[in-house]
């Protein structure tokens, strides 16, 4: 579900190329994790299930997509960066950097970790 505050952020803070990347990310999230909600987290756009799944931050040269529990992911695509205890991230400088299959995989893993199976 789209969020007006996220729309305002994208219009005010992202370059046209970054907005193109961001809109592609939005579509991928909507298709992959339709139950996720767009929120602002720490001043940045994010997608949330029970907890934050992913956060997008912008700097002059790229967008960073940070996966809150990315350190727990299986990274068969070898795209994730970082050495933190919990998080991993992607840097996207152009629309060509968006590897949709990989991002769908990471989002699916994030959603699975957000909704662990109930043990009976």
Protein backbone atom coordinates (compact mmCIF):
# COMPACT_ATOMS: atom_id res chain seq x y z
CA UNK A 1 0.00 0.00 0.00
CA UNK A 2 1.45 3.34 -1.06
CA UNK A 3 2.05 6.10 1.46
CA UNK A 4 1.65 9.83 0.77
CA UNK A 5 4.70 10.71 2.93
CA UNK A 6 6.80 8.37 0.80
CA UNK A 7 5.50 10.08 -2.35
CA UNK A 8 6.51 13.46 -0.92
CA UNK A 9 9.97 12.13 0.00
CA UNK A 10 10.53 10.70 -3.48
CA UNK A 11 9.51 13.93 -5.20
CA UNK A 12 11.57 16.18 -2.93
CA UNK A 13 14.69 14.11 -2.27
CA UNK A 14 15.31 11.86 -5.27
CA UNK A 15 16.80 12.73 -8.63
CA UNK A 16 14.76 11.73 -11.70
CA UNK A 17 16.97 8.66 -12.19
CA UNK A 18 16.64 7.70 -8.52
CA UNK A 19 12.84 8.11 -8.76
CA UNK A 20 12.84 5.69 -11.70
CA UNK A 21 14.76 3.14 -9.62
CA UNK A 22 12.52 3.76 -6.62
CA UNK A 23 9.31 3.32 -8.63
CA UNK A 24 10.68 0.03 -9.96
CA UNK A 25 11.42 -1.06 -6.38
CA UNK A 26 7.90 -0.10 -5.33
CA UNK A 27 6.41 -2.23 -8.10
CA UNK A 28 8.63 -5.18 -7.18
CA UNK A 29 7.63 -4.94 -3.51
CA UNK A 30 3.93 -4.60 -4.35
CA UNK A 31 4.12 -7.71 -6.55
CA UNK A 32 6.33 -9.77 -4.24
CA UNK A 33 5.07 -8.84 -0.75
CA UNK A 34 1.60 -7.36 -1.28
CA UNK A 35 0.94 -7.31 2.47
CA UNK A 36 3.88 -4.95 3.12
CA UNK A 37 3.05 -1.35 3.97
CA UNK A 38 5.08 1.66 2.91
CA UNK A 39 6.19 3.69 5.92
CA UNK A 40 8.76 6.33 6.76
CA UNK A 41 11.42 4.91 9.08
CA UNK A 42 14.17 7.13 10.41
CA UNK A 43 13.36 9.68 7.71
CA UNK A 44 13.62 7.16 4.86
CA UNK A 45 11.05 5.18 2.89
CA UNK A 46 10.64 1.60 4.06
CA UNK A 47 8.41 -1.42 3.69
CA UNK A 48 7.04 -3.04 6.81
CA UNK A 49 5.34 -6.29 7.62
CA UNK A 50 5.30 -7.01 11.35
CA UNK A 51 8.71 -5.36 11.40
CA UNK A 52 10.71 -3.35 8.86
CA UNK A 53 11.61 -5.50 5.84
CA UNK A 54 13.66 -3.03 3.79
CA UNK A 55 14.65 0.65 3.87
CA UNK A 56 15.71 2.87 0.98
CA UNK A 57 18.12 5.74 1.48
CA UNK A 58 19.50 8.15 -1.08
CA UNK A 59 22.86 9.76 -1.49
CA UNK A 60 24.38 11.72 -4.34
CA UNK A 61 25.44 8.72 -6.43
CA UNK A 62 22.99 5.90 -5.66
CA UNK A 63 20.08 4.47 -3.71
CA UNK A 64 20.84 2.00 -0.96
CA UNK A 65 18.32 -0.73 -0.23
CA UNK A 66 18.95 -2.06 3.26
CA UNK A 67 17.44 -5.36 4.35
CA UNK A 68 16.96 -5.37 8.12
CA UNK A 69 17.63 -9.10 8.50
CA UNK A 70 19.78 -9.49 5.39
CA UNK A 71 22.61 -11.19 7.27
CA UNK A 72 20.28 -14.18 7.60
CA UNK A 73 19.60 -14.38 3.86
CA UNK A 74 20.95 -17.00 1.51
CA UNK A 75 22.62 -14.82 -1.12
CA UNK A 76 22.76 -16.92 -4.26
CA UNK A 77 22.99 -13.72 -6.32
CA UNK A 78 26.12 -12.38 -4.59
CA UNK A 79 24.79 -8.82 -4.64
CA UNK A 80 24.42 -8.03 -0.95
CA UNK A 81 27.06 -5.90 0.74
CA UNK A 82 27.89 -5.29 4.38
CA UNK A 83 29.31 -7.05 7.36
CA UNK A 84 26.91 -5.98 10.09
CA UNK A 85 25.40 -8.43 12.54
CA UNK A 86 21.87 -8.07 11.08
CA UNK A 87 21.74 -5.98 7.92
CA UNK A 88 22.88 -6.27 4.33
CA UNK A 89 22.37 -3.79 1.52
CA UNK A 90 22.37 -3.21 -2.23
CA UNK A 91 23.59 -0.08 -3.98
CA UNK A 92 21.64 0.90 -7.08
CA UNK A 93 23.13 3.67 -9.24
CA UNK A 94 20.97 3.23 -12.33
CA UNK A 95 17.88 1.39 -13.51
CA UNK A 96 20.23 -1.16 -15.10
CA UNK A 97 21.46 -2.11 -11.60
CA UNK A 98 18.00 -3.35 -10.59
CA UNK A 99 18.18 -7.13 -10.84
CA UNK A 100 14.53 -7.92 -10.36
CA UNK A 101 14.88 -11.66 -9.72
CA UNK A 102 17.46 -11.08 -7.00
CA UNK A 103 15.44 -8.34 -5.33
CA UNK A 104 12.32 -10.54 -5.40
CA UNK A 105 14.34 -13.31 -3.76
CA UNK A 106 15.63 -10.99 -1.04
CA UNK A 107 12.14 -9.62 -0.38
CA UNK A 108 10.70 -13.13 -0.19
CA UNK A 109 13.36 -14.07 2.33
CA UNK A 110 12.68 -10.88 4.32
CA UNK A 111 8.95 -11.65 4.41
CA UNK A 112 9.60 -15.26 5.43
CA UNK A 113 11.82 -14.14 8.30
CA UNK A 114 9.15 -11.61 9.30
CA UNK A 115 6.51 -14.36 9.43
CA UNK A 116 8.22 -17.48 10.75
CA UNK A 117 6.17 -20.69 10.65
CA UNK A 118 4.04 -21.40 13.70
CA UNK A 119 5.25 -24.42 15.60
CA UNK A 120 2.66 -26.60 17.21
